[in-house]
């Protein structure tokens, strides 16, 4: 435990010293992001006991279209002129299942050395979170995408983003118009693939 504390202090000190040496651009970042989600492929695997007592095990997948929205708050740190690591937390809908509160870590790579100029970017976002329903359950989410950053001022940036989003969640199960009680569910997995188009304001 003592060694972990020493390592943490050393890392923080290194970041502060680096920030002091290089004041050409801000190190800490804060922002808001909004996105539109177009789901084009989804699947499910349920396993539960029907009211009559027998086990039901439906599964399937299909192409289709479903639209939702998502919004995030973010705080991050510029490791150097080209790399940023940030934490994201927000709210997003998953098809017509339920709302979720996703939390993730995003690594962003910028192309071009000058952070004061417009430039292209790519990112990888991986995280978890909870579903908002009668019995919350965990979710898993990931994004892979890119975009273009416009520099509005030294401290303010506007990002236009496009990404592939995949999410695994656990929705409630409807069986002949009736919601299956949670104590009768063995599995309620659902996943979806979507195209995400967003805009972010970073300070």
Protein backbone atom coordinates (compact mmCIF):
# COMPACT_ATOMS: atom_id res chain seq x y z
CA UNK A 1 0.00 0.00 0.00
CA UNK A 2 2.84 2.40 0.91
CA UNK A 3 4.55 1.64 -2.41
CA UNK A 4 1.34 2.40 -4.31
CA UNK A 5 1.02 5.77 -2.56
CA UNK A 6 4.63 6.65 -3.40
CA UNK A 7 4.12 5.71 -7.07
CA UNK A 8 0.90 7.77 -7.25
CA UNK A 9 2.63 10.82 -5.74
CA UNK A 10 5.52 10.42 -8.17
CA UNK A 11 3.20 10.29 -11.18
CA UNK A 12 1.25 13.36 -10.02
CA UNK A 13 4.48 15.25 -9.36
CA UNK A 14 5.77 14.36 -12.80
CA UNK A 15 2.57 15.65 -14.40
CA UNK A 16 2.74 18.92 -12.45
CA UNK A 17 6.40 19.45 -13.34
CA UNK A 18 5.68 18.73 -16.99
CA UNK A 19 2.84 21.22 -16.92
CA UNK A 20 5.11 23.83 -15.36
CA UNK A 21 7.80 23.30 -18.01
CA UNK A 22 5.38 23.44 -20.96
CA UNK A 23 2.70 26.12 -20.79
CA UNK A 24 2.12 26.29 -24.55
CA UNK A 25 -1.26 24.58 -24.19
CA UNK A 26 -3.62 23.65 -21.31
CA UNK A 27 -3.06 20.26 -19.68
CA UNK A 28 -6.43 19.76 -17.95
CA UNK A 29 -9.53 19.53 -20.15
CA UNK A 30 -13.25 19.73 -19.39
CA UNK A 31 -16.17 19.45 -21.72
CA UNK A 32 -19.64 18.39 -22.77
CA UNK A 33 -20.58 16.04 -25.60
CA UNK A 34 -23.88 15.29 -27.33
CA UNK A 35 -24.51 12.56 -29.86
CA UNK A 36 -27.10 10.92 -32.07
CA UNK A 37 -27.14 7.10 -32.17
CA UNK A 38 -28.42 5.11 -35.14
CA UNK A 39 -28.65 1.41 -34.24
CA UNK A 40 -28.47 -0.84 -37.31
CA UNK A 41 -27.91 -4.32 -35.84
CA UNK A 42 -28.98 -5.96 -32.59
CA UNK A 43 -29.32 -9.34 -30.95
CA UNK A 44 -30.49 -11.00 -27.77
CA UNK A 45 -30.33 -14.19 -25.74
CA UNK A 46 -32.90 -14.71 -22.98
CA UNK A 47 -33.41 -17.64 -20.65
CA UNK A 48 -36.21 -17.65 -18.07
CA UNK A 49 -39.00 -19.67 -16.50
CA UNK A 50 -42.50 -19.11 -17.87
CA UNK A 51 -45.44 -18.74 -15.45
CA UNK A 52 -46.35 -22.36 -16.27
CA UNK A 53 -42.97 -23.49 -14.92
CA UNK A 54 -41.11 -24.58 -18.08
CA UNK A 55 -37.86 -23.00 -19.27
CA UNK A 56 -37.90 -20.62 -22.26
CA UNK A 57 -34.70 -19.90 -24.20
CA UNK A 58 -35.29 -17.46 -27.08
CA UNK A 59 -32.43 -15.91 -29.01
CA UNK A 60 -32.00 -14.01 -32.25
CA UNK A 61 -30.42 -11.13 -34.13
CA UNK A 62 -31.49 -8.83 -36.91
CA UNK A 63 -30.73 -5.74 -38.93
CA UNK A 64 -33.01 -2.78 -38.36
CA UNK A 65 -33.07 0.91 -37.48
CA UNK A 66 -33.55 2.59 -34.12
CA UNK A 67 -32.53 6.12 -33.13
CA UNK A 68 -31.55 7.48 -29.72
CA UNK A 69 -29.50 10.26 -28.16
CA UNK A 70 -26.68 10.48 -25.64
CA UNK A 71 -24.99 13.19 -23.59
CA UNK A 72 -21.76 13.26 -21.55
CA UNK A 73 -19.64 15.32 -19.20
CA UNK A 74 -15.90 14.81 -19.44
CA UNK A 75 -12.70 15.66 -17.61
CA UNK A 76 -9.29 14.77 -19.00
CA UNK A 77 -5.57 15.39 -19.20
CA UNK A 78 -3.34 16.12 -22.20
CA UNK A 79 -0.40 13.75 -21.89
CA UNK A 80 1.38 15.71 -24.64
CA UNK A 81 0.49 17.64 -27.80
CA UNK A 82 -1.01 14.55 -29.45
CA UNK A 83 -2.48 12.34 -26.69
CA UNK A 84 -5.34 12.93 -24.29
CA UNK A 85 -6.90 10.59 -21.73
CA UNK A 86 -10.33 11.47 -20.38
CA UNK A 87 -13.10 10.12 -18.16
CA UNK A 88 -16.69 10.32 -19.46
CA UNK A 89 -19.99 9.98 -17.63
CA UNK A 90 -23.44 10.67 -19.01
CA UNK A 91 -26.82 9.32 -20.00
CA UNK A 92 -27.80 7.30 -23.05
CA UNK A 93 -30.77 5.31 -24.30
CA UNK A 94 -30.42 1.76 -25.62
CA UNK A 95 -33.00 1.19 -28.34
CA UNK A 96 -36.43 0.91 -26.65
CA UNK A 97 -35.06 -1.08 -23.70
CA UNK A 98 -34.15 1.55 -21.09
CA UNK A 99 -31.87 4.46 -20.26
CA UNK A 100 -28.32 3.90 -19.04
CA UNK A 101 -25.65 5.82 -17.14
CA UNK A 102 -22.41 4.92 -18.95
CA UNK A 103 -18.96 5.73 -17.55
CA UNK A 104 -15.84 5.22 -19.66
CA UNK A 105 -12.21 6.05 -20.28
CA UNK A 106 -11.28 7.50 -23.68
CA UNK A 107 -7.83 7.70 -25.27
CA UNK A 108 -7.66 10.27 -28.07
CA UNK A 109 -4.88 10.71 -30.63
CA UNK A 110 -4.54 14.02 -32.48
CA UNK A 111 -2.79 14.32 -35.85
CA UNK A 112 -0.58 17.36 -36.15
CA UNK A 113 1.85 18.71 -33.55
CA UNK A 114 0.35 22.15 -33.03
CA UNK A 115 -2.56 22.02 -30.51
CA UNK A 116 -3.50 25.58 -31.47
CA UNK A 117 -4.48 24.54 -35.02
CA UNK A 118 -7.40 22.58 -36.44
CA UNK A 119 -6.58 18.87 -36.81
CA UNK A 120 -7.94 15.36 -37.25
CA UNK A 121 -8.34 12.90 -34.37
CA UNK A 122 -9.12 9.26 -33.59
CA UNK A 123 -10.19 7.66 -30.31
CA UNK A 124 -10.90 4.45 -28.43
CA UNK A 125 -13.50 4.50 -25.66
CA UNK A 126 -14.14 1.58 -23.26
CA UNK A 127 -16.37 1.53 -20.21
CA UNK A 128 -19.20 0.19 -18.12
CA UNK A 129 -22.14 1.64 -16.20
CA UNK A 130 -25.64 0.76 -15.04
CA UNK A 131 -29.07 0.47 -16.63
CA UNK A 132 -31.92 2.58 -15.26
CA UNK A 133 -34.82 0.25 -14.54
CA UNK A 134 -36.57 -1.45 -11.60
CA UNK A 135 -33.56 -3.68 -11.00
CA UNK A 136 -30.41 -1.92 -12.30
CA UNK A 137 -27.78 -4.12 -13.93
CA UNK A 138 -24.32 -3.47 -15.32
CA UNK A 139 -23.66 -2.59 -18.94
CA UNK A 140 -20.55 -2.79 -21.12
CA UNK A 141 -19.87 -0.26 -23.83
CA UNK A 142 -17.18 0.56 -26.36
CA UNK A 143 -16.55 3.09 -29.12
CA UNK A 144 -14.04 3.35 -31.93
CA UNK A 145 -14.08 6.51 -33.97
CA UNK A 146 -12.55 9.69 -35.24
CA UNK A 147 -13.32 13.25 -36.13
CA UNK A 148 -12.11 16.77 -36.66
CA UNK A 149 -11.17 19.38 -34.05
CA UNK A 150 -11.67 23.10 -34.64
CA UNK A 151 -9.72 25.50 -32.44
CA UNK A 152 -11.91 28.38 -31.29
CA UNK A 153 -9.35 29.81 -28.87
CA UNK A 154 -6.34 28.68 -26.83
CA UNK A 155 -8.63 27.01 -24.30
CA UNK A 156 -11.76 26.21 -26.31
CA UNK A 157 -12.13 23.48 -28.96
CA UNK A 158 -15.06 22.18 -30.98
CA UNK A 159 -14.97 18.50 -31.98
CA UNK A 160 -17.06 16.82 -34.68
CA UNK A 161 -17.15 13.06 -34.05
CA UNK A 162 -18.18 9.86 -35.82
CA UNK A 163 -17.89 6.44 -34.16
CA UNK A 164 -18.98 2.83 -34.13
CA UNK A 165 -20.65 2.01 -30.80
CA UNK A 166 -21.30 -1.44 -29.35
CA UNK A 167 -23.17 -1.95 -26.10
CA UNK A 168 -24.13 -5.01 -24.04
CA UNK A 169 -27.03 -4.58 -21.64
CA UNK A 170 -29.68 -6.55 -19.74
CA UNK A 171 -33.24 -5.41 -20.50
CA UNK A 172 -36.47 -6.50 -18.89
CA UNK A 173 -38.17 -9.42 -20.64
CA UNK A 174 -41.74 -9.27 -21.91
CA UNK A 175 -43.51 -12.63 -22.30
CA UNK A 176 -46.97 -12.47 -23.91
CA UNK A 177 -47.44 -8.91 -22.67
CA UNK A 178 -46.27 -9.60 -19.13
CA UNK A 179 -42.94 -8.60 -17.59
CA UNK A 180 -41.01 -11.64 -16.37
CA UNK A 181 -40.07 -11.31 -12.65
CA UNK A 182 -36.33 -10.95 -12.08
CA UNK A 183 -36.17 -14.01 -9.85
CA UNK A 184 -37.33 -16.16 -12.81
CA UNK A 185 -34.65 -14.85 -15.22
CA UNK A 186 -31.45 -16.80 -15.81
CA UNK A 187 -30.14 -14.69 -18.70
CA UNK A 188 -31.27 -11.43 -20.29
CA UNK A 189 -28.44 -10.38 -22.59
CA UNK A 190 -28.96 -7.88 -25.38
CA UNK A 191 -26.38 -6.19 -27.60
CA UNK A 192 -26.54 -3.54 -30.29
CA UNK A 193 -24.26 -2.05 -32.92
CA UNK A 194 -24.74 1.57 -33.85
CA UNK A 195 -23.31 4.55 -35.67
CA UNK A 196 -22.77 7.52 -33.36
CA UNK A 197 -22.52 11.10 -34.68
CA UNK A 198 -21.64 13.75 -32.13
CA UNK A 199 -20.34 17.19 -31.30
CA UNK A 200 -18.27 18.18 -28.26
CA UNK A 201 -17.23 21.47 -26.71
CA UNK A 202 -13.92 21.17 -24.85
CA UNK A 203 -12.42 23.79 -22.52
